[in-house]
Structures are given as C-alpha cells and as structure tokens.
Amino acid sequence: MARRENPDIIISDIMMPEVDGYAVFEAMQSDPKTAVIPFIFLTAKTDIRDIREGLGLGADDYITKPFQPRQLLESIRVRLEKYERISNAATTIEKEDAEAGEYDQIFIKDGESCWFVEYDKLRLIESEDNYVRLFFDNEKPLISRTLNFMEGRLPAKMFFRANRKQLINLKWIRNIQPWFNAGLLVTLKDGTRVQMSRRAAQSFKAKLGI
C-alpha cells in the first residue's frame, strides 16, 4: 500500500497481530521508495530500552500511550516540516549544481577495478586508517586516500563531515533525530546510521537551516 499510495507519513502501532511495528518499519526500509517516508511509532511501552530500540532503528518519533491528540498532531507537523526543509535543501543543491555546470562525477580505482561515479550515487565515505571506503550502488571499494583528501575533493555543498571517520552525501539523508549529548543521529536512505557529535550537529543544522 505504501508503494502504491506514497503517503506523506506513516503512523504505526508496535504490538499488532502477525507482524509488529518494528517488522513493518524494517520492511519499509528495504525499499528505496518507502524508506524516505517519515515513520512514527505508537505504543503503550514506556521502558527506555524499548524507546531506544524504536528510535535506534531510524524511526522519526516514538509516542507512548495514552497521549493527547495534540501530541500526535504536533509530532506530525514537526516531522513533515523537517522533511520539507531537507527536500528543499536537496533541491537547492541540485539547482546550484546545474547552474554551475560542475563536473559531477569522480574517478575511483581499486586494484584492477575502475569506476566513474556520479556524486549523486556516492552516499557515504568512511575512513579506514590511511584508506577510505566509498559506498555507491552495491559497491564499496577501498582506495589509498585520506578522508581529509576526499573532503577537499568533493563539493562542500553536497558532502558533510559528520564525524572523524565519515563523510555523508546530504542528498541521501532520510531521517535526522536528536541523539546523546546534543548530537544527532542521521539515517541514510539505505538504512545506514551515522552519529554526529554536538559540534558537528551545530554546523550541520546551520548548513541545512534546521
């Protein structure tokens, strides 16, 4: 139904017959078309471990019962506005790229394998000692470069240094939520979760205007 109707947001109970809410959410994440839809859990569970499990999966919110209608409506409003800002930011990046006419791909060589990869497809770059691993399509080659080099090579308006070891593509962001010590937990469209420190989170919010 979600694939067919493309809803603005999904609100799901956790305790349900046959398939629980967690399984529904995980199924949604397995399809790129439904993975971008905001998702809110409703539940009578109040244990902090349950809440962390729900949010740790990458869901947008976790509302415990009983709740007032205004609580749910406020959560919906906040999530839809956030996704609109993310969408607008991605659209701005795409427009600026088109107007600038910039070269929009990078050459990658790993051993005997070579790729010309469009920036849009490069979702994540991770540091591994003096190497970096690049994630695009179903590939994840390891190349002899540093993360600092890649940060300087890639367009700053599209890629963000989330932490000491990871660069993320802003166009691949699916979900952003508060995390420990005033940081942020960012979920990419492929389900990858990236933690940001408080300092990185402040810079990130300023960059996207959120």
Protein backbone atom coordinates (compact mmCIF):
# COMPACT_ATOMS: atom_id res chain seq x y z
CA MET A 1 0.00 0.00 0.00
CA ALA A 2 2.82 2.42 0.85
CA ARG A 3 4.49 1.78 -2.51
CA ARG A 4 1.19 2.39 -4.31
CA GLU A 5 -0.16 5.35 -2.32
CA ASN A 6 3.14 7.11 -1.46
CA PRO A 7 1.81 8.62 1.81
CA ASP A 8 3.24 11.77 3.39
CA ILE A 9 3.77 9.98 6.72
CA ILE A 10 3.13 6.57 8.33
CA ILE A 11 1.94 6.10 11.91
CA SER A 12 2.06 2.54 13.21
CA ASP A 13 1.36 0.72 16.45
CA ILE A 14 4.06 -1.67 17.63
CA MET A 15 2.00 -4.51 19.11
CA MET A 16 -0.03 -5.91 16.21
CA PRO A 17 -1.11 -9.41 15.14
CA GLU A 18 1.12 -11.39 12.75
CA VAL A 19 3.62 -8.56 12.09
CA ASP A 20 4.69 -5.99 14.69
CA GLY A 21 5.53 -2.36 14.04
CA TYR A 22 9.29 -2.96 14.06
CA ALA A 23 8.94 -5.51 11.24
CA VAL A 24 6.76 -3.08 9.28
CA PHE A 25 9.38 -0.35 9.64
CA GLU A 26 12.23 -2.67 8.60
CA ALA A 27 10.24 -3.77 5.53
CA MET A 28 9.74 -0.11 4.64
CA GLN A 29 13.49 0.48 4.89
CA SER A 30 14.23 -2.32 2.44
CA ASP A 31 12.60 -0.41 -0.44
CA PRO A 32 14.15 2.94 -1.51
CA LYS A 33 10.71 4.26 -2.46
CA THR A 34 9.20 3.71 1.01
CA ALA A 35 12.38 4.23 3.05
CA VAL A 36 12.07 8.03 2.67
CA ILE A 37 8.55 8.19 4.18
CA PRO A 38 8.51 9.64 7.74
CA PHE A 39 7.54 6.97 10.29
CA ILE A 40 6.09 7.38 13.80
CA PHE A 41 5.66 4.55 16.34
CA LEU A 42 2.72 4.43 18.76
CA THR A 43 2.94 2.13 21.76
CA ALA A 44 1.96 1.50 25.35
CA LYS A 45 5.56 0.50 26.11
CA THR A 46 7.34 3.06 28.28
CA ASP A 47 10.61 1.23 29.00
CA ILE A 48 13.54 3.39 27.90
CA ARG A 49 15.09 0.36 26.20
CA ASP A 50 12.02 -0.03 24.00
CA ILE A 51 12.10 3.65 23.11
CA ARG A 52 15.79 3.49 22.21
CA GLU A 53 15.16 0.39 20.13
CA GLY A 54 12.44 2.16 18.14
CA LEU A 55 14.44 5.31 17.60
CA GLY A 56 17.64 3.35 17.06
CA LEU A 57 16.06 1.69 14.05
CA GLY A 58 15.81 5.13 12.48
CA ALA A 59 12.14 5.96 13.11
CA ASP A 60 11.21 9.64 13.36
CA ASP A 61 9.32 9.56 16.65
CA TYR A 62 8.06 7.22 19.37
CA ILE A 63 4.83 8.29 21.11
CA THR A 64 3.70 6.46 24.24
CA LYS A 65 0.08 5.84 25.17
CA PRO A 66 -2.03 7.37 26.50
CA PHE A 67 -1.46 10.59 24.57
CA GLN A 68 -3.48 13.65 23.67
CA PRO A 69 -4.45 14.22 20.00
CA ARG A 70 -2.45 17.45 20.01
CA GLN A 71 0.72 15.49 20.87
CA LEU A 72 0.33 13.35 17.78
CA LEU A 73 -0.59 16.31 15.58
CA GLU A 74 2.45 18.25 16.80
CA SER A 75 4.74 15.30 16.07
CA ILE A 76 3.27 15.01 12.56
CA ARG A 77 3.72 18.74 11.95
CA VAL A 78 7.34 18.74 13.12
CA ARG A 79 8.25 15.69 11.00
CA LEU A 80 6.60 16.94 7.83
CA GLU A 81 8.19 20.38 8.18
CA LYS A 82 11.60 18.79 8.76
CA TYR A 83 11.29 16.60 5.69
CA GLU A 84 10.19 19.60 3.64
CA ARG A 85 13.32 21.50 4.72
CA ILE A 86 15.53 18.52 3.87
CA SER A 87 13.83 18.17 0.49
CA ASN A 88 14.19 21.89 -0.21
CA ALA A 89 17.88 21.77 0.73
CA ALA A 90 18.49 18.85 -1.64
CA THR A 91 16.62 20.66 -4.41
CA THR A 92 18.76 23.76 -3.87
CA ILE A 93 21.93 21.68 -4.11
CA GLU A 94 20.74 20.14 -7.39
CA LYS A 95 19.80 23.55 -8.79
CA GLU A 96 23.17 25.06 -7.86
CA ASP A 97 24.97 22.11 -9.47
CA ALA A 98 23.03 22.59 -12.70
CA GLU A 99 23.64 26.35 -12.77
CA ALA A 100 27.35 25.96 -12.01
CA GLY A 101 27.76 23.27 -14.64
CA GLU A 102 30.25 21.49 -12.38
CA TYR A 103 31.86 18.19 -13.21
CA ASP A 104 29.53 15.82 -11.39
CA GLN A 105 31.45 12.57 -11.11
CA ILE A 106 34.61 11.16 -9.57
CA PHE A 107 37.07 8.55 -10.85
CA ILE A 108 37.67 5.64 -8.45
CA LYS A 109 40.27 2.89 -8.84
CA ASP A 110 40.54 -0.16 -6.58
CA GLY A 111 43.11 -2.64 -7.85
CA GLU A 112 42.13 -3.58 -11.39
CA SER A 113 38.58 -2.22 -10.99
CA CYS A 114 37.72 1.33 -12.06
CA TRP A 115 34.53 3.39 -11.91
CA PHE A 116 33.31 6.83 -12.93
CA VAL A 117 30.80 7.51 -10.15
CA GLU A 118 28.31 10.37 -10.17
CA TYR A 119 28.29 12.37 -6.95
CA ASP A 120 24.57 11.64 -6.51
CA LYS A 121 25.32 7.91 -6.19
CA LEU A 122 28.16 8.29 -3.69
CA ARG A 123 26.25 8.08 -0.41
CA LEU A 124 28.98 7.55 2.20
CA ILE A 125 32.78 7.70 2.57
CA GLU A 126 34.41 6.05 5.60
CA SER A 127 37.98 6.29 6.85
CA GLU A 128 39.96 3.08 7.42
CA ASP A 129 43.43 4.08 8.68
CA ASN A 130 45.17 5.70 5.67
CA TYR A 131 42.49 4.49 3.26
CA VAL A 132 38.87 5.37 2.59
CA ARG A 133 35.99 3.10 1.64
CA LEU A 134 33.43 4.57 -0.74
CA PHE A 135 29.84 3.33 -0.83
CA PHE A 136 27.80 3.58 -4.05
CA ASP A 137 25.29 1.26 -5.71
CA ASN A 138 26.30 -2.22 -4.44
CA GLU A 139 30.00 -1.36 -4.48
CA LYS A 140 32.33 -0.42 -1.63
CA PRO A 141 35.90 -0.13 -2.95
CA LEU A 142 38.83 0.77 -0.70
CA ILE A 143 41.25 3.37 -2.09
CA SER A 144 44.57 4.81 -0.93
CA ARG A 145 43.34 8.25 0.05
CA THR A 146 42.58 10.02 3.33
CA LEU A 147 39.22 11.33 4.43
CA ASN A 148 40.67 14.84 4.50
CA PHE A 149 41.66 14.48 0.85
CA MET A 150 38.17 13.29 -0.11
CA GLU A 151 36.56 16.14 1.84
CA GLY A 152 38.62 18.63 -0.17
CA ARG A 153 37.94 16.83 -3.46
CA LEU A 154 34.14 16.57 -3.18
CA PRO A 155 31.73 19.55 -3.41
CA ALA A 156 31.23 21.03 0.06
CA LYS A 157 27.59 21.94 -0.59
CA MET A 158 26.75 18.26 -1.19
CA PHE A 159 29.02 16.36 1.25
CA PHE A 160 29.30 16.88 5.01
CA ARG A 161 31.94 15.69 7.50
CA ALA A 162 29.66 14.01 10.02
CA ASN A 163 32.44 12.85 12.35
CA ARG A 164 36.13 11.92 12.41
CA LYS A 165 35.61 8.89 10.19
CA GLN A 166 32.62 9.59 7.91
CA LEU A 167 31.55 11.91 5.10
CA ILE A 168 27.89 11.75 4.07
CA ASN A 169 26.02 12.86 0.96
CA LEU A 170 23.29 15.31 2.02
CA LYS A 171 21.03 14.09 -0.79
CA TRP A 172 20.98 10.63 0.81
CA ILE A 173 19.59 11.77 4.17
CA ARG A 174 16.32 10.09 5.09
CA ASN A 175 15.94 10.95 8.75
CA ILE A 176 17.51 13.19 11.40
CA GLN A 177 16.85 12.83 15.12
CA PRO A 178 18.34 14.09 18.40
CA TRP A 179 21.00 11.86 19.93
CA PHE A 180 23.10 11.74 23.06
CA ASN A 181 24.97 14.81 24.37
CA ALA A 182 23.18 17.21 21.99
CA GLY A 183 24.39 15.26 18.97
CA LEU A 184 22.37 13.93 16.04
CA LEU A 185 21.66 10.52 14.58
CA VAL A 186 21.35 10.67 10.80
CA THR A 187 19.81 7.78 8.87
CA LEU A 188 20.63 7.50 5.18
CA LYS A 189 18.21 6.17 2.57
CA ASP A 190 19.99 2.82 2.53
CA GLY A 191 19.43 2.44 6.29
CA THR A 192 22.98 3.37 7.36
CA ARG A 193 23.01 5.30 10.64
CA VAL A 194 25.65 7.97 11.25
CA GLN A 195 26.27 9.65 14.62
CA MET A 196 27.26 13.31 14.85
CA SER A 197 28.92 14.99 17.80
CA ARG A 198 27.45 18.16 19.28
CA ARG A 199 29.92 20.36 17.38
CA ALA A 200 29.24 18.62 14.06
CA ALA A 201 25.50 18.74 14.76
CA GLN A 202 25.59 22.50 15.27
CA SER A 203 27.44 23.01 11.98
CA PHE A 204 25.09 20.60 10.24
CA LYS A 205 21.94 22.40 11.45
CA ALA A 206 23.37 25.74 10.35
CA LYS A 207 24.23 24.31 6.92
CA LEU A 208 20.71 22.96 6.31
CA GLY A 209 18.87 25.71 8.17
CA ILE A 210 17.11 23.32 10.56
